[in-house]
């Protein structure tokens, strides 16, 4: 019984450490950016999908949740923070929909399986990243007005980069599963 208790405690500590390190990785990826208006292009979507594939949905969504809580609490983890604000004020700006979409994208990316072929992995990741953009343009349209070219502002500039990131993930997906075994 004591051995089971020790294993459970060790697993909880390991999970907390992984969640924390994942949120740090996501914060670092937010700072790797190419400026676009009104939403910057970062490596976050790559890392969100990576976290989903490698951590699984429970730890992955907890990681994204921690990252969002850190940002809402005022830590400068978001892409343009602290330059354009911090905390809730930044969170509710133009990027909020995309940030919320990270949760669904991570969750959906966790359904990539080791036995999936490249086309299936590509399809699952396209679906996952699409949710980021769906939430993103829904919020962006609500915020800046539906009369604006929302798709041209909030999706179109990023499509080629997203395809590149997803192809890269597809190519390394089988190797990413080694992380899941460690968690």
C-alpha atoms as a PDB file:
ATOM      1  CA  UNK A   1       0.000   0.000   0.000  1.00  0.00           C
ATOM      2  CA  UNK A   2       2.838   2.391   0.872  1.00  0.00           C
ATOM      3  CA  UNK A   3       4.496   1.676  -2.497  1.00  0.00           C
ATOM      4  CA  UNK A   4       1.288   2.622  -4.334  1.00  0.00           C
ATOM      5  CA  UNK A   5       1.058   5.851  -2.316  1.00  0.00           C
ATOM      6  CA  UNK A   6       4.685   6.740  -3.156  1.00  0.00           C
ATOM      7  CA  UNK A   7       4.146   6.013  -6.869  1.00  0.00           C
ATOM      8  CA  UNK A   8       1.015   8.168  -6.904  1.00  0.00           C
ATOM      9  CA  UNK A   9       2.807  11.056  -5.181  1.00  0.00           C
ATOM     10  CA  UNK A  10       5.774  10.740  -7.553  1.00  0.00           C
ATOM     11  CA  UNK A  11       3.403  10.754 -10.543  1.00  0.00           C
ATOM     12  CA  UNK A  12       1.626  13.881  -9.254  1.00  0.00           C
ATOM     13  CA  UNK A  13       4.937  15.682  -8.728  1.00  0.00           C
ATOM     14  CA  UNK A  14       6.129  14.659 -12.176  1.00  0.00           C
ATOM     15  CA  UNK A  15       2.852  15.841 -13.755  1.00  0.00           C
ATOM     16  CA  UNK A  16       3.056  19.219 -11.995  1.00  0.00           C
ATOM     17  CA  UNK A  17       6.651  19.641 -13.148  1.00  0.00           C
ATOM     18  CA  UNK A  18       5.713  18.761 -16.747  1.00  0.00           C
ATOM     19  CA  UNK A  19       2.767  21.182 -16.694  1.00  0.00           C
ATOM     20  CA  UNK A  20       4.975  23.981 -15.370  1.00  0.00           C
ATOM     21  CA  UNK A  21       7.780  23.318 -17.880  1.00  0.00           C
ATOM     22  CA  UNK A  22       5.227  23.122 -20.697  1.00  0.00           C
ATOM     23  CA  UNK A  23       3.821  26.523 -19.742  1.00  0.00           C
ATOM     24  CA  UNK A  24       7.363  27.943 -19.749  1.00  0.00           C
ATOM     25  CA  UNK A  25       7.959  26.454 -23.216  1.00  0.00           C
ATOM     26  CA  UNK A  26       4.708  28.015 -24.426  1.00  0.00           C
ATOM     27  CA  UNK A  27       5.693  31.409 -22.954  1.00  0.00           C
ATOM     28  CA  UNK A  28       9.072  31.236 -24.721  1.00  0.00           C
ATOM     29  CA  UNK A  29       7.353  30.296 -27.995  1.00  0.00           C
ATOM     30  CA  UNK A  30       5.130  33.376 -27.624  1.00  0.00           C
ATOM     31  CA  UNK A  31       8.204  35.583 -27.752  1.00  0.00           C
ATOM     32  CA  UNK A  32       9.404  34.035 -31.031  1.00  0.00           C
ATOM     33  CA  UNK A  33       7.289  36.147 -33.363  1.00  0.00           C
ATOM     34  CA  UNK A  34       6.915  37.743 -36.729  1.00  0.00           C
ATOM     35  CA  UNK A  35       4.893  40.971 -36.410  1.00  0.00           C
ATOM     36  CA  UNK A  36       1.521  41.078 -38.157  1.00  0.00           C
ATOM     37  CA  UNK A  37      -1.467  43.306 -37.523  1.00  0.00           C
ATOM     38  CA  UNK A  38      -3.684  42.841 -35.565  1.00  0.00           C
ATOM     39  CA  UNK A  39      -2.463  39.435 -34.342  1.00  0.00           C
ATOM     40  CA  UNK A  40       1.241  38.512 -34.269  1.00  0.00           C
ATOM     41  CA  UNK A  41       2.433  35.208 -35.742  1.00  0.00           C
ATOM     42  CA  UNK A  42       4.365  33.164 -33.202  1.00  0.00           C
ATOM     43  CA  UNK A  43       5.588  29.612 -32.696  1.00  0.00           C
ATOM     44  CA  UNK A  44       2.817  29.092 -30.146  1.00  0.00           C
ATOM     45  CA  UNK A  45       0.579  27.029 -32.417  1.00  0.00           C
ATOM     46  CA  UNK A  46       3.473  24.644 -33.061  1.00  0.00           C
ATOM     47  CA  UNK A  47       4.089  24.289 -29.319  1.00  0.00           C
ATOM     48  CA  UNK A  48       0.364  23.943 -28.512  1.00  0.00           C
ATOM     49  CA  UNK A  49       0.056  21.036 -30.962  1.00  0.00           C
ATOM     50  CA  UNK A  50       3.361  19.583 -29.740  1.00  0.00           C
ATOM     51  CA  UNK A  51       2.090  19.693 -26.153  1.00  0.00           C
ATOM     52  CA  UNK A  52      -1.151  17.977 -27.177  1.00  0.00           C
ATOM     53  CA  UNK A  53       0.682  15.191 -28.978  1.00  0.00           C
ATOM     54  CA  UNK A  54       3.391  14.668 -26.383  1.00  0.00           C
ATOM     55  CA  UNK A  55       1.542  15.295 -23.093  1.00  0.00           C
ATOM     56  CA  UNK A  56      -1.891  13.853 -23.868  1.00  0.00           C
ATOM     57  CA  UNK A  57      -5.134  15.725 -23.308  1.00  0.00           C
ATOM     58  CA  UNK A  58      -5.199  15.836 -19.488  1.00  0.00           C
ATOM     59  CA  UNK A  59      -1.724  17.220 -18.879  1.00  0.00           C
ATOM     60  CA  UNK A  60      -1.756  19.134 -22.171  1.00  0.00           C
ATOM     61  CA  UNK A  61      -4.959  21.050 -21.427  1.00  0.00           C
ATOM     62  CA  UNK A  62      -3.749  21.663 -17.859  1.00  0.00           C
ATOM     63  CA  UNK A  63      -0.533  23.103 -19.312  1.00  0.00           C
ATOM     64  CA  UNK A  64      -2.412  25.458 -21.634  1.00  0.00           C
ATOM     65  CA  UNK A  65      -4.740  26.390 -18.762  1.00  0.00           C
ATOM     66  CA  UNK A  66      -1.783  27.252 -16.522  1.00  0.00           C
ATOM     67  CA  UNK A  67      -0.276  29.367 -19.291  1.00  0.00           C
ATOM     68  CA  UNK A  68      -3.543  31.303 -19.709  1.00  0.00           C
ATOM     69  CA  UNK A  69      -3.870  31.790 -15.948  1.00  0.00           C
ATOM     70  CA  UNK A  70      -0.270  33.049 -15.774  1.00  0.00           C
ATOM     71  CA  UNK A  71      -1.035  35.608 -18.473  1.00  0.00           C
ATOM     72  CA  UNK A  72      -4.347  36.705 -16.972  1.00  0.00           C
ATOM     73  CA  UNK A  73      -2.616  37.077 -13.593  1.00  0.00           C
ATOM     74  CA  UNK A  74      -0.233  39.578 -15.151  1.00  0.00           C
ATOM     75  CA  UNK A  75       2.884  37.600 -15.970  1.00  0.00           C
ATOM     76  CA  UNK A  76       4.277  38.739 -19.346  1.00  0.00           C
ATOM     77  CA  UNK A  77       3.855  35.352 -21.039  1.00  0.00           C
ATOM     78  CA  UNK A  78       1.670  36.448 -23.955  1.00  0.00           C
ATOM     79  CA  UNK A  79       3.122  37.430 -27.307  1.00  0.00           C
ATOM     80  CA  UNK A  80       3.034  41.232 -27.045  1.00  0.00           C
ATOM     81  CA  UNK A  81       3.154  41.578 -23.304  1.00  0.00           C
ATOM     82  CA  UNK A  82       4.291  43.667 -21.534  1.00  0.00           C
ATOM     83  CA  UNK A  83       4.652  46.060 -24.532  1.00  0.00           C
ATOM     84  CA  UNK A  84       0.897  46.153 -25.233  1.00  0.00           C
ATOM     85  CA  UNK A  85      -0.341  45.480 -21.737  1.00  0.00           C
ATOM     86  CA  UNK A  86      -0.567  42.604 -19.305  1.00  0.00           C
ATOM     87  CA  UNK A  87      -3.148  40.602 -17.457  1.00  0.00           C
ATOM     88  CA  UNK A  88      -6.838  40.596 -18.174  1.00  0.00           C
ATOM     89  CA  UNK A  89      -6.633  43.804 -20.210  1.00  0.00           C
ATOM     90  CA  UNK A  90      -4.264  42.124 -22.684  1.00  0.00           C
ATOM     91  CA  UNK A  91      -6.100  38.801 -22.593  1.00  0.00           C
ATOM     92  CA  UNK A  92      -9.394  40.388 -23.653  1.00  0.00           C
ATOM     93  CA  UNK A  93      -7.730  42.149 -26.595  1.00  0.00           C
ATOM     94  CA  UNK A  94      -7.590  40.947 -30.223  1.00  0.00           C
ATOM     95  CA  UNK A  95      -5.820  37.668 -29.383  1.00  0.00           C
ATOM     96  CA  UNK A  96      -8.292  36.314 -26.805  1.00  0.00           C
ATOM     97  CA  UNK A  97     -10.115  34.037 -29.218  1.00  0.00           C
ATOM     98  CA  UNK A  98      -6.858  32.536 -30.444  1.00  0.00           C
ATOM     99  CA  UNK A  99      -5.649  32.011 -26.875  1.00  0.00           C
ATOM    100  CA  UNK A 100      -8.888  30.229 -25.933  1.00  0.00           C
ATOM    101  CA  UNK A 101      -8.550  28.161 -29.101  1.00  0.00           C
ATOM    102  CA  UNK A 102      -5.258  26.828 -27.739  1.00  0.00           C
ATOM    103  CA  UNK A 103      -7.276  24.690 -25.318  1.00  0.00           C
ATOM    104  CA  UNK A 104      -9.314  22.986 -28.047  1.00  0.00           C
ATOM    105  CA  UNK A 105      -6.316  22.622 -30.356  1.00  0.00           C
ATOM    106  CA  UNK A 106      -4.257  20.949 -27.644  1.00  0.00           C
ATOM    107  CA  UNK A 107      -7.148  18.652 -26.776  1.00  0.00           C
ATOM    108  CA  UNK A 108      -7.694  17.621 -30.409  1.00  0.00           C
ATOM    109  CA  UNK A 109      -3.964  17.185 -31.087  1.00  0.00           C
ATOM    110  CA  UNK A 110      -3.820  14.700 -28.233  1.00  0.00           C
ATOM    111  CA  UNK A 111      -5.845  12.280 -30.351  1.00  0.00           C
ATOM    112  CA  UNK A 112      -2.911  11.739 -32.708  1.00  0.00           C
ATOM    113  CA  UNK A 113      -1.862   8.136 -32.252  1.00  0.00           C
ATOM    114  CA  UNK A 114       1.415   6.358 -32.874  1.00  0.00           C
ATOM    115  CA  UNK A 115      -0.268   3.982 -35.348  1.00  0.00           C
ATOM    116  CA  UNK A 116      -1.730   6.865 -37.427  1.00  0.00           C
ATOM    117  CA  UNK A 117      -0.222   7.364 -40.870  1.00  0.00           C
ATOM    118  CA  UNK A 118       1.089  10.721 -42.038  1.00  0.00           C
ATOM    119  CA  UNK A 119      -2.123  11.724 -43.802  1.00  0.00           C
ATOM    120  CA  UNK A 120      -4.246  10.978 -40.715  1.00  0.00           C
ATOM    121  CA  UNK A 121      -1.840  12.903 -38.477  1.00  0.00           C
ATOM    122  CA  UNK A 122      -1.863  15.838 -40.913  1.00  0.00           C
ATOM    123  CA  UNK A 123      -5.680  15.834 -40.999  1.00  0.00           C
ATOM    124  CA  UNK A 124      -5.991  15.701 -37.203  1.00  0.00           C
ATOM    125  CA  UNK A 125      -3.531  18.553 -36.774  1.00  0.00           C
ATOM    126  CA  UNK A 126      -5.238  20.682 -39.435  1.00  0.00           C
ATOM    127  CA  UNK A 127      -8.526  20.178 -37.604  1.00  0.00           C
ATOM    128  CA  UNK A 128      -6.871  21.036 -34.275  1.00  0.00           C
ATOM    129  CA  UNK A 129      -5.218  24.236 -35.498  1.00  0.00           C
ATOM    130  CA  UNK A 130      -8.422  25.241 -37.289  1.00  0.00           C
ATOM    131  CA  UNK A 131     -10.156  25.588 -33.934  1.00  0.00           C
ATOM    132  CA  UNK A 132      -7.615  28.236 -32.922  1.00  0.00           C
ATOM    133  CA  UNK A 133      -8.530  30.279 -35.979  1.00  0.00           C
ATOM    134  CA  UNK A 134     -12.260  29.710 -35.610  1.00  0.00           C
ATOM    135  CA  UNK A 135     -12.243  31.006 -32.033  1.00  0.00           C
ATOM    136  CA  UNK A 136      -9.803  33.720 -33.080  1.00  0.00           C
ATOM    137  CA  UNK A 137     -11.878  35.196 -35.892  1.00  0.00           C
ATOM    138  CA  UNK A 138     -15.096  34.890 -33.901  1.00  0.00           C
ATOM    139  CA  UNK A 139     -13.592  37.045 -31.158  1.00  0.00           C
ATOM    140  CA  UNK A 140     -11.780  39.347 -33.588  1.00  0.00           C
ATOM    141  CA  UNK A 141     -15.007  39.995 -35.505  1.00  0.00           C
ATOM    142  CA  UNK A 142     -16.839  40.703 -32.274  1.00  0.00           C
ATOM    143  CA  UNK A 143     -14.096  43.063 -31.122  1.00  0.00           C
ATOM    144  CA  UNK A 144     -13.294  45.069 -34.260  1.00  0.00           C
ATOM    145  CA  UNK A 145     -16.535  44.641 -36.176  1.00  0.00           C
ATOM    146  CA  UNK A 146     -17.883  42.184 -38.689  1.00  0.00           C
ATOM    147  CA  UNK A 147     -17.736  44.781 -41.444  1.00  0.00           C
ATOM    148  CA  UNK A 148     -13.928  44.466 -41.454  1.00  0.00           C
ATOM    149  CA  UNK A 149     -12.106  41.818 -43.540  1.00  0.00           C
ATOM    150  CA  UNK A 150     -11.771  39.455 -40.563  1.00  0.00           C
ATOM    151  CA  UNK A 151     -10.511  36.453 -42.542  1.00  0.00           C
ATOM    152  CA  UNK A 152      -7.910  38.571 -44.337  1.00  0.00           C
ATOM    153  CA  UNK A 153      -6.691  40.051 -41.047  1.00  0.00           C
ATOM    154  CA  UNK A 154      -6.899  37.091 -38.696  1.00  0.00           C
ATOM    155  CA  UNK A 155      -6.361  33.948 -40.772  1.00  0.00           C
ATOM    156  CA  UNK A 156      -5.069  34.425 -44.307  1.00  0.00           C
ATOM    157  CA  UNK A 157      -1.614  35.830 -43.409  1.00  0.00           C
ATOM    158  CA  UNK A 158      -0.895  32.775 -41.260  1.00  0.00           C
ATOM    159  CA  UNK A 159      -2.056  29.892 -43.469  1.00  0.00           C
ATOM    160  CA  UNK A 160       1.253  29.113 -45.177  1.00  0.00           C
ATOM    161  CA  UNK A 161       3.160  29.249 -41.888  1.00  0.00           C
ATOM    162  CA  UNK A 162       0.597  26.963 -40.227  1.00  0.00           C
ATOM    163  CA  UNK A 163       0.887  24.395 -43.006  1.00  0.00           C
ATOM    164  CA  UNK A 164       4.675  24.485 -42.633  1.00  0.00           C
ATOM    165  CA  UNK A 165       4.441  24.005 -38.845  1.00  0.00           C
ATOM    166  CA  UNK A 166       1.993  21.131 -39.235  1.00  0.00           C
ATOM    167  CA  UNK A 167       4.120  19.384 -41.867  1.00  0.00           C
ATOM    168  CA  UNK A 168       7.084  19.675 -39.502  1.00  0.00           C
ATOM    169  CA  UNK A 169       5.020  18.200 -36.669  1.00  0.00           C
ATOM    170  CA  UNK A 170       3.799  15.370 -38.900  1.00  0.00           C
ATOM    171  CA  UNK A 171       7.392  14.513 -39.760  1.00  0.00           C
ATOM    172  CA  UNK A 172       8.452  14.341 -36.106  1.00  0.00           C
ATOM    173  CA  UNK A 173       5.166  13.077 -34.600  1.00  0.00           C
ATOM    174  CA  UNK A 174       6.324   9.480 -34.192  1.00  0.00           C
ATOM    175  CA  UNK A 175       9.367  10.666 -32.240  1.00  0.00           C
ATOM    176  CA  UNK A 176       7.255  12.994 -30.075  1.00  0.00           C
ATOM    177  CA  UNK A 177       5.490   9.971 -28.588  1.00  0.00           C
ATOM    178  CA  UNK A 178       8.642   9.215 -26.622  1.00  0.00           C
ATOM    179  CA  UNK A 179       7.737  12.210 -24.419  1.00  0.00           C
ATOM    180  CA  UNK A 180       4.336  10.738 -23.644  1.00  0.00           C
ATOM    181  CA  UNK A 181       5.960   7.563 -22.322  1.00  0.00           C
ATOM    182  CA  UNK A 182       8.027   9.623 -19.890  1.00  0.00           C
ATOM    183  CA  UNK A 183       5.004  11.452 -18.471  1.00  0.00           C
END
